[in-house]
């Protein structure tokens, strides 16, 4: 792969590589994503990661993958018959600060076949969901499996912290990042210049594209959506603009426990491009500021939202009695929990697939995080949701 010496000069090469991989050339409206991509590429040069051997190739390949997803979705939007698209009604959305149990709850609820979810491979290649039996022979599914295996081969510790599976449900951010206006870039790469730009942006266009992607993927499927993305607490206004009747479960955990765990996962991801050049304290400083802002925004917005539209779940309650939490969610939003589904969920809990790859070890001190300082900055949030 011929990669330019600077990221700022890589725009044409990135687009060419994505087109070569797909045979497509329609990336959609340039104003929806080019400003963010340009800012990101500039930041990767000006103040970006201290790249390790192979790091430039990893970053380039990551960005090509996002453009491939844009191309695929654009073709799907063009080809989808108007009558096949469905209005998305009352999606069940899980959000909250990362490492508060969002993934475990999401995957437990996904056992219920009354919901449809956003499978990982369909976030990389947004097409109408084909019959599941055909997935193993689908080239796009195969490419996703290969990509995940290559990623985890380079970062095997990620399996214990946040495993990824091509045919399992995954996060909305994998679609939202197509707009190149997303928290994911500042968390994955050292790009403070991009972060400063992103903090002042309106993510409405990304959410409208995300809603369109769900209409494509779920074309012909009348089941309600089950979705999950921690970053939605940054942008609840945009989420509710595209899904005004969303049923939102917000998870909570003492930030003294959640934030160091998040920083550990992000450090693993950053090592793929930076190797031993990762500075843990930089990650800690960014994430505490980022999620303090997010919970403050979410609390303010929720003051204006109908209380029944939200349900709060504490991590400790879910850990102690996961099925009790599930029943509370179903009662609150009016879903039916069948005996067969409850039995299947109990079996998943007993099997503990989230812990099958071992324990995840980290310390707050490694990331320059002092528990007292965290509690002080999140005092209003901790008090609001009784997290002490």
Protein backbone atom coordinates (compact mmCIF):
# COMPACT_ATOMS: atom_id res chain seq x y z
CA UNK A 1 0.00 0.00 0.00
CA UNK A 2 1.46 3.37 -1.05
CA UNK A 3 0.94 5.67 1.95
CA UNK A 4 1.97 9.36 1.73
CA UNK A 5 4.59 10.60 4.19
CA UNK A 6 2.11 12.97 5.84
CA UNK A 7 -1.47 12.32 6.84
CA UNK A 8 -2.51 15.77 5.61
CA UNK A 9 -1.59 14.66 2.09
CA UNK A 10 -3.41 11.33 2.42
CA UNK A 11 -6.95 12.35 1.55
CA UNK A 12 -6.83 11.28 -2.08
CA UNK A 13 -4.96 8.07 -1.26
CA UNK A 14 -7.51 7.13 1.41
CA UNK A 15 -10.43 7.64 -0.97
CA UNK A 16 -8.64 5.77 -3.75
CA UNK A 17 -7.91 2.81 -1.45
CA UNK A 18 -11.53 2.63 -0.29
CA UNK A 19 -12.79 2.79 -3.89
CA UNK A 20 -10.33 0.10 -4.97
CA UNK A 21 -11.53 -2.17 -2.17
CA UNK A 22 -15.21 -1.80 -3.07
CA UNK A 23 -15.41 -0.78 -6.72
CA UNK A 24 -17.52 2.20 -5.59
CA UNK A 25 -16.90 5.93 -5.80
CA UNK A 26 -19.93 7.67 -4.22
CA UNK A 27 -18.99 8.73 -0.70
CA UNK A 28 -22.09 10.83 -0.19
CA UNK A 29 -22.21 14.60 0.43
CA UNK A 30 -18.69 15.85 1.03
CA UNK A 31 -19.83 18.47 3.56
CA UNK A 32 -21.10 15.65 5.80
CA UNK A 33 -17.65 14.21 6.42
CA UNK A 34 -14.79 16.04 4.66
CA UNK A 35 -14.39 18.80 7.29
CA UNK A 36 -13.90 16.23 10.05
CA UNK A 37 -11.62 14.03 7.98
CA UNK A 38 -9.48 17.03 7.03
CA UNK A 39 -9.23 18.13 10.69
CA UNK A 40 -8.33 14.63 11.77
CA UNK A 41 -5.60 14.20 9.15
CA UNK A 42 -4.16 17.60 10.04
CA UNK A 43 -4.17 16.75 13.75
CA UNK A 44 -2.46 13.42 13.09
CA UNK A 45 0.44 15.41 11.62
CA UNK A 46 0.52 18.45 13.90
CA UNK A 47 0.07 16.93 17.34
CA UNK A 48 -0.77 13.30 16.66
CA UNK A 49 0.44 9.97 17.97
CA UNK A 50 4.11 9.18 18.39
CA UNK A 51 3.90 6.37 15.89
CA UNK A 52 5.54 3.00 16.42
CA UNK A 53 6.71 0.80 13.51
CA UNK A 54 3.60 -0.15 11.58
CA UNK A 55 1.58 2.57 13.28
CA UNK A 56 1.14 4.73 10.18
CA UNK A 57 -0.15 1.72 8.26
CA UNK A 58 -2.57 0.88 11.06
CA UNK A 59 -4.01 4.41 11.18
CA UNK A 60 -4.28 4.58 7.39
CA UNK A 61 -6.03 1.20 7.26
CA UNK A 62 -8.44 2.24 10.00
CA UNK A 63 -9.50 5.34 8.08
CA UNK A 64 -9.84 3.39 4.84
CA UNK A 65 -12.22 1.07 6.68
CA UNK A 66 -14.44 4.00 7.69
CA UNK A 67 -14.55 5.22 4.09
CA UNK A 68 -15.40 1.70 2.89
CA UNK A 69 -18.38 1.76 5.27
CA UNK A 70 -19.45 5.14 3.86
CA UNK A 71 -19.28 3.82 0.31
CA UNK A 72 -21.24 0.69 1.21
CA UNK A 73 -23.97 2.61 2.99
CA UNK A 74 -24.23 5.13 0.18
CA UNK A 75 -24.79 2.34 -2.33
CA UNK A 76 -27.34 0.69 -0.03
CA UNK A 77 -29.25 3.95 0.36
CA UNK A 78 -29.32 4.37 -3.41
CA UNK A 79 -30.46 0.81 -4.10
CA UNK A 80 -32.97 0.36 -1.28
CA UNK A 81 -36.57 0.44 -2.57
CA UNK A 82 -38.49 3.21 -0.85
CA UNK A 83 -41.14 0.78 0.35
CA UNK A 84 -38.52 -1.40 2.06
CA UNK A 85 -37.37 1.31 4.47
CA UNK A 86 -39.10 1.31 7.85
CA UNK A 87 -39.64 4.09 10.34
CA UNK A 88 -37.78 3.21 13.51
CA UNK A 89 -40.24 3.15 16.40
CA UNK A 90 -39.39 2.98 20.12
CA UNK A 91 -35.84 1.61 19.89
CA UNK A 92 -34.47 0.35 23.19
CA UNK A 93 -31.18 2.22 23.66
CA UNK A 94 -28.51 1.48 26.27
CA UNK A 95 -26.09 4.26 27.13
CA UNK A 96 -23.91 5.47 29.98
CA UNK A 97 -20.29 6.19 30.81
CA UNK A 98 -18.16 3.37 29.32
CA UNK A 99 -17.34 0.43 31.60
CA UNK A 100 -20.61 0.74 33.51
CA UNK A 101 -22.06 -2.54 32.24
CA UNK A 102 -23.44 -1.32 28.91
CA UNK A 103 -21.90 -4.16 26.91
CA UNK A 104 -22.90 -6.96 29.26
CA UNK A 105 -26.48 -5.67 29.49
CA UNK A 106 -26.68 -5.15 25.73
CA UNK A 107 -25.52 -8.66 24.93
CA UNK A 108 -27.79 -10.18 27.54
CA UNK A 109 -30.85 -8.42 26.14
CA UNK A 110 -29.82 -9.39 22.59
CA UNK A 111 -30.65 -13.01 23.50
CA UNK A 112 -34.31 -12.01 23.08
CA UNK A 113 -35.34 -12.59 19.43
CA UNK A 114 -38.09 -9.98 19.68
CA UNK A 115 -35.30 -7.39 19.12
CA UNK A 116 -33.03 -6.78 16.17
CA UNK A 117 -29.51 -5.52 16.77
CA UNK A 118 -26.65 -3.85 14.99
CA UNK A 119 -24.28 -6.72 14.27
CA UNK A 120 -20.60 -5.85 14.04
CA UNK A 121 -20.11 -6.88 10.43
CA UNK A 122 -23.11 -4.83 9.32
CA UNK A 123 -21.61 -1.71 10.90
CA UNK A 124 -18.56 -2.21 8.65
CA UNK A 125 -20.67 -3.02 5.59
CA UNK A 126 -24.15 -1.49 6.02
CA UNK A 127 -26.40 -3.53 3.74
CA UNK A 128 -29.89 -4.98 4.27
CA UNK A 129 -29.40 -7.82 6.74
CA UNK A 130 -29.31 -11.08 4.77
CA UNK A 131 -30.50 -14.42 6.20
CA UNK A 132 -28.16 -15.41 9.02
CA UNK A 133 -27.40 -18.80 7.50
CA UNK A 134 -25.77 -17.01 4.54
CA UNK A 135 -23.36 -14.94 6.59
CA UNK A 136 -20.37 -17.34 6.68
CA UNK A 137 -20.21 -17.36 2.87
CA UNK A 138 -20.67 -13.59 2.53
CA UNK A 139 -17.39 -11.85 1.48
CA UNK A 140 -18.19 -8.79 3.62
CA UNK A 141 -18.77 -10.96 6.67
CA UNK A 142 -15.56 -12.87 5.96
CA UNK A 143 -13.63 -9.60 5.65
CA UNK A 144 -14.96 -8.46 9.02
CA UNK A 145 -13.96 -11.73 10.70
CA UNK A 146 -10.48 -11.44 9.21
CA UNK A 147 -10.16 -7.82 10.29
CA UNK A 148 -11.18 -8.59 13.88
CA UNK A 149 -8.77 -11.50 14.09
CA UNK A 150 -5.92 -9.35 12.75
CA UNK A 151 -6.77 -6.63 15.29
CA UNK A 152 -6.90 -9.04 18.22
CA UNK A 153 -3.70 -10.75 17.09
CA UNK A 154 -1.97 -7.39 17.55
CA UNK A 155 -3.81 -6.63 20.82
CA UNK A 156 -4.71 -9.99 22.41
CA UNK A 157 -5.33 -8.35 25.79
CA UNK A 158 -8.41 -6.69 24.28
CA UNK A 159 -10.28 -10.01 24.37
CA UNK A 160 -10.46 -9.86 28.16
CA UNK A 161 -11.34 -6.16 28.28
CA UNK A 162 -13.71 -5.76 25.32
CA UNK A 163 -14.08 -8.69 22.99
CA UNK A 164 -15.39 -8.21 19.45
CA UNK A 165 -17.32 -10.78 17.41
CA UNK A 166 -18.42 -10.29 13.80
CA UNK A 167 -21.91 -11.77 14.21
CA UNK A 168 -22.69 -10.26 17.62
CA UNK A 169 -24.33 -6.92 18.39
CA UNK A 170 -22.01 -3.94 18.66
CA UNK A 171 -21.98 -0.20 19.28
CA UNK A 172 -23.72 2.54 17.31
CA UNK A 173 -20.44 4.47 17.20
CA UNK A 174 -19.24 2.06 14.51
CA UNK A 175 -21.79 3.71 12.21
CA UNK A 176 -21.71 7.21 13.72
CA UNK A 177 -17.98 7.55 13.04
CA UNK A 178 -18.68 7.65 9.28
CA UNK A 179 -19.19 11.40 9.65
CA UNK A 180 -15.65 11.85 11.02
CA UNK A 181 -17.17 13.95 13.80
CA UNK A 182 -16.93 11.60 16.76
CA UNK A 183 -15.38 11.01 20.15
CA UNK A 184 -13.95 7.75 18.85
CA UNK A 185 -11.07 9.45 17.03
CA UNK A 186 -9.85 11.37 20.07
CA UNK A 187 -10.09 8.28 22.22
CA UNK A 188 -8.30 6.00 19.73
CA UNK A 189 -5.56 8.39 18.58
CA UNK A 190 -3.62 11.19 20.22
CA UNK A 191 -5.19 14.14 18.35
CA UNK A 192 -5.84 17.05 20.76
CA UNK A 193 -6.23 19.46 17.83
CA UNK A 194 -9.04 17.35 16.42
CA UNK A 195 -10.57 17.02 19.91
CA UNK A 196 -10.68 20.80 20.27
CA UNK A 197 -12.51 21.05 16.93
CA UNK A 198 -14.89 18.17 17.71
CA UNK A 199 -15.91 19.72 21.04
CA UNK A 200 -17.58 22.59 19.20
CA UNK A 201 -19.33 20.57 16.48
CA UNK A 202 -22.96 19.64 15.91
CA UNK A 203 -23.28 15.87 15.34
CA UNK A 204 -26.76 16.10 13.86
CA UNK A 205 -25.64 15.02 10.38
CA UNK A 206 -23.93 11.93 11.81
CA UNK A 207 -27.11 10.95 13.66
CA UNK A 208 -29.28 11.39 10.58
CA UNK A 209 -26.93 9.14 8.62
CA UNK A 210 -26.95 6.64 11.48
CA UNK A 211 -30.76 6.54 11.43
CA UNK A 212 -30.63 5.96 7.67
CA UNK A 213 -28.15 3.12 8.20
CA UNK A 214 -30.54 1.41 10.62
CA UNK A 215 -33.34 1.73 8.07
CA UNK A 216 -31.10 0.03 5.50
CA UNK A 217 -29.85 -2.75 7.73
CA UNK A 218 -33.31 -3.49 9.14
CA UNK A 219 -35.15 -3.19 5.84
CA UNK A 220 -38.05 -5.64 5.88
CA UNK A 221 -37.59 -6.41 9.60
CA UNK A 222 -40.43 -5.08 11.78
CA UNK A 223 -38.82 -5.94 15.12
CA UNK A 224 -37.88 -3.10 17.49
CA UNK A 225 -34.21 -2.14 17.60
CA UNK A 226 -31.92 -2.88 20.54
CA UNK A 227 -29.04 -0.40 20.44
CA UNK A 228 -26.07 0.52 22.59
CA UNK A 229 -23.57 3.34 22.62
CA UNK A 230 -21.95 5.01 25.64
CA UNK A 231 -21.34 8.15 23.58
CA UNK A 232 -25.07 8.84 23.29
CA UNK A 233 -24.90 10.60 26.67
CA UNK A 234 -22.82 13.27 24.91
CA UNK A 235 -25.56 13.78 22.34
CA UNK A 236 -28.92 12.79 23.80
CA UNK A 237 -30.46 15.75 21.98
CA UNK A 238 -29.42 14.32 18.60
CA UNK A 239 -30.48 10.80 19.58
CA UNK A 240 -33.93 12.06 20.52
CA UNK A 241 -34.13 14.17 17.37
CA UNK A 242 -33.92 11.02 15.20
CA UNK A 243 -35.72 8.70 17.66
CA UNK A 244 -38.09 10.91 19.68
CA UNK A 245 -39.83 7.90 21.28
CA UNK A 246 -36.63 6.02 22.20
CA UNK A 247 -36.71 3.92 25.38
CA UNK A 248 -33.40 4.76 27.06
CA UNK A 249 -31.59 2.72 29.71
CA UNK A 250 -28.76 4.70 31.29
CA UNK A 251 -26.21 2.68 33.24
CA UNK A 252 -24.22 4.11 36.15
CA UNK A 253 -21.13 3.15 38.13
CA UNK A 254 -18.82 4.96 40.52
CA UNK A 255 -16.51 6.91 38.15
CA UNK A 256 -13.56 5.95 40.37
CA UNK A 257 -14.08 2.40 39.12
CA UNK A 258 -15.33 3.07 35.59
CA UNK A 259 -12.81 5.64 34.35
CA UNK A 260 -9.56 3.74 35.07
CA UNK A 261 -11.09 0.67 33.39
CA UNK A 262 -11.93 2.77 30.33
CA UNK A 263 -8.44 4.27 30.23
CA UNK A 264 -6.94 0.78 30.29
CA UNK A 265 -9.00 -0.30 27.27
CA UNK A 266 -8.09 2.86 25.37
CA UNK A 267 -4.41 2.41 26.15
CA UNK A 268 -4.58 -1.04 24.58
CA UNK A 269 -6.14 0.45 21.46
CA UNK A 270 -3.58 3.25 21.26
CA UNK A 271 -0.68 0.86 21.50
CA UNK A 272 -1.63 -0.44 18.06
CA UNK A 273 -0.40 2.83 16.56
CA UNK A 274 1.90 4.19 19.27
CA UNK A 275 3.45 1.06 20.75
CA UNK A 276 5.40 1.91 23.92
CA UNK A 277 5.03 5.64 23.21
CA UNK A 278 1.58 5.78 24.82
CA UNK A 279 1.43 8.27 27.72
CA UNK A 280 -1.16 6.90 30.18
CA UNK A 281 -1.58 10.20 32.06
CA UNK A 282 -2.65 11.91 28.82
CA UNK A 283 -5.39 9.34 28.38
CA UNK A 284 -6.52 9.81 31.99
CA UNK A 285 -6.70 13.60 31.67
CA UNK A 286 -8.66 13.44 28.42
CA UNK A 287 -11.20 10.87 29.58
CA UNK A 288 -12.00 12.44 32.93
CA UNK A 289 -12.70 15.77 31.19
CA UNK A 290 -14.63 14.14 28.35
CA UNK A 291 -16.99 12.08 30.49
CA UNK A 292 -17.46 14.78 33.12
CA UNK A 293 -18.81 16.95 30.31
CA UNK A 294 -20.95 14.09 29.00
CA UNK A 295 -22.69 13.30 32.29
CA UNK A 296 -23.27 17.01 32.93
CA UNK A 297 -24.92 17.39 29.51
CA UNK A 298 -27.02 14.27 30.03
CA UNK A 299 -28.27 15.39 33.45
CA UNK A 300 -29.28 18.78 32.04
CA UNK A 301 -31.14 17.27 29.09
CA UNK A 302 -32.93 14.74 31.24
CA UNK A 303 -34.42 17.57 33.29
CA UNK A 304 -36.46 18.41 30.17
CA UNK A 305 -37.33 14.85 29.05
CA UNK A 306 -40.32 12.75 30.15
CA UNK A 307 -39.16 10.67 33.16
CA UNK A 308 -40.76 7.49 31.80
CA UNK A 309 -38.54 7.70 28.73
CA UNK A 310 -35.50 6.81 30.84
CA UNK A 311 -34.62 4.03 33.25
CA UNK A 312 -31.49 4.14 35.40
CA UNK A 313 -29.51 0.98 36.14
CA UNK A 314 -26.62 0.88 38.58
CA UNK A 315 -23.72 -1.41 37.72
CA UNK A 316 -23.70 -2.92 41.19
CA UNK A 317 -27.38 -3.85 40.91
CA UNK A 318 -26.86 -5.48 37.53
CA UNK A 319 -23.81 -7.36 38.81
CA UNK A 320 -25.74 -8.63 41.85
CA UNK A 321 -29.02 -9.53 40.12
CA UNK A 322 -28.87 -9.29 36.32
CA UNK A 323 -32.25 -10.91 35.73
CA UNK A 324 -33.86 -8.61 38.27
CA UNK A 325 -32.58 -5.66 36.24
CA UNK A 326 -33.82 -7.26 33.00
CA UNK A 327 -37.31 -7.73 34.45
CA UNK A 328 -37.33 -4.11 35.63
CA UNK A 329 -36.43 -2.90 32.11
CA UNK A 330 -39.17 -5.01 30.52
CA UNK A 331 -41.79 -3.82 33.02
CA UNK A 332 -40.79 -0.17 32.68
CA UNK A 333 -41.01 -0.10 28.89
CA UNK A 334 -43.81 -2.62 28.46
CA UNK A 335 -41.94 -5.52 26.82
CA UNK A 336 -42.97 -9.13 27.29
CA UNK A 337 -40.34 -11.45 28.79
CA UNK A 338 -41.23 -14.99 27.78
CA UNK A 339 -40.22 -18.01 29.92
CA UNK A 340 -38.12 -19.33 27.02
CA UNK A 341 -36.18 -16.07 26.70
CA UNK A 342 -35.69 -15.80 30.45
CA UNK A 343 -34.27 -19.33 30.47
CA UNK A 344 -31.91 -18.47 27.61
CA UNK A 345 -30.75 -15.35 29.43
CA UNK A 346 -30.12 -17.33 32.60
CA UNK A 347 -28.02 -19.76 30.56
CA UNK A 348 -25.95 -16.89 29.16
CA UNK A 349 -25.37 -15.46 32.63
CA UNK A 350 -24.28 -18.87 33.89
CA UNK A 351 -21.90 -19.33 30.95
CA UNK A 352 -20.43 -15.83 31.61
CA UNK A 353 -19.22 -15.22 28.04
CA UNK A 354 -18.06 -11.71 28.98
CA UNK A 355 -15.47 -13.27 31.29
CA UNK A 356 -14.35 -16.14 29.11
CA UNK A 357 -11.05 -14.53 28.09
CA UNK A 358 -9.79 -13.81 31.59
CA UNK A 359 -9.58 -10.86 33.95
CA UNK A 360 -8.85 -7.25 33.04
CA UNK A 361 -6.24 -5.66 35.32
CA UNK A 362 -5.51 -1.93 35.72
CA UNK A 363 -4.89 0.75 38.36
CA UNK A 364 -6.08 4.35 38.53
CA UNK A 365 -2.60 5.57 39.47
CA UNK A 366 -1.16 4.33 36.18
CA UNK A 367 -3.33 6.89 34.38
CA UNK A 368 -2.68 9.75 36.79
CA UNK A 369 -6.17 9.48 38.24
CA UNK A 370 -6.59 10.26 41.93
CA UNK A 371 -9.84 8.88 43.41
CA UNK A 372 -10.56 11.98 45.46
CA UNK A 373 -10.18 14.25 42.44
CA UNK A 374 -12.50 12.05 40.38
CA UNK A 375 -15.17 12.12 43.09
CA UNK A 376 -14.88 15.88 43.37
CA UNK A 377 -15.33 16.45 39.64
CA UNK A 378 -18.24 13.99 39.41
CA UNK A 379 -19.82 14.95 42.74
CA UNK A 380 -23.18 16.04 41.30
CA UNK A 381 -23.42 12.92 39.14
CA UNK A 382 -22.47 10.59 42.01
CA UNK A 383 -25.05 12.20 44.29
CA UNK A 384 -27.78 12.19 41.63
CA UNK A 385 -27.51 8.45 41.02
CA UNK A 386 -26.38 7.30 44.48
CA UNK A 387 -23.05 5.89 43.32
CA UNK A 388 -20.90 6.45 46.42
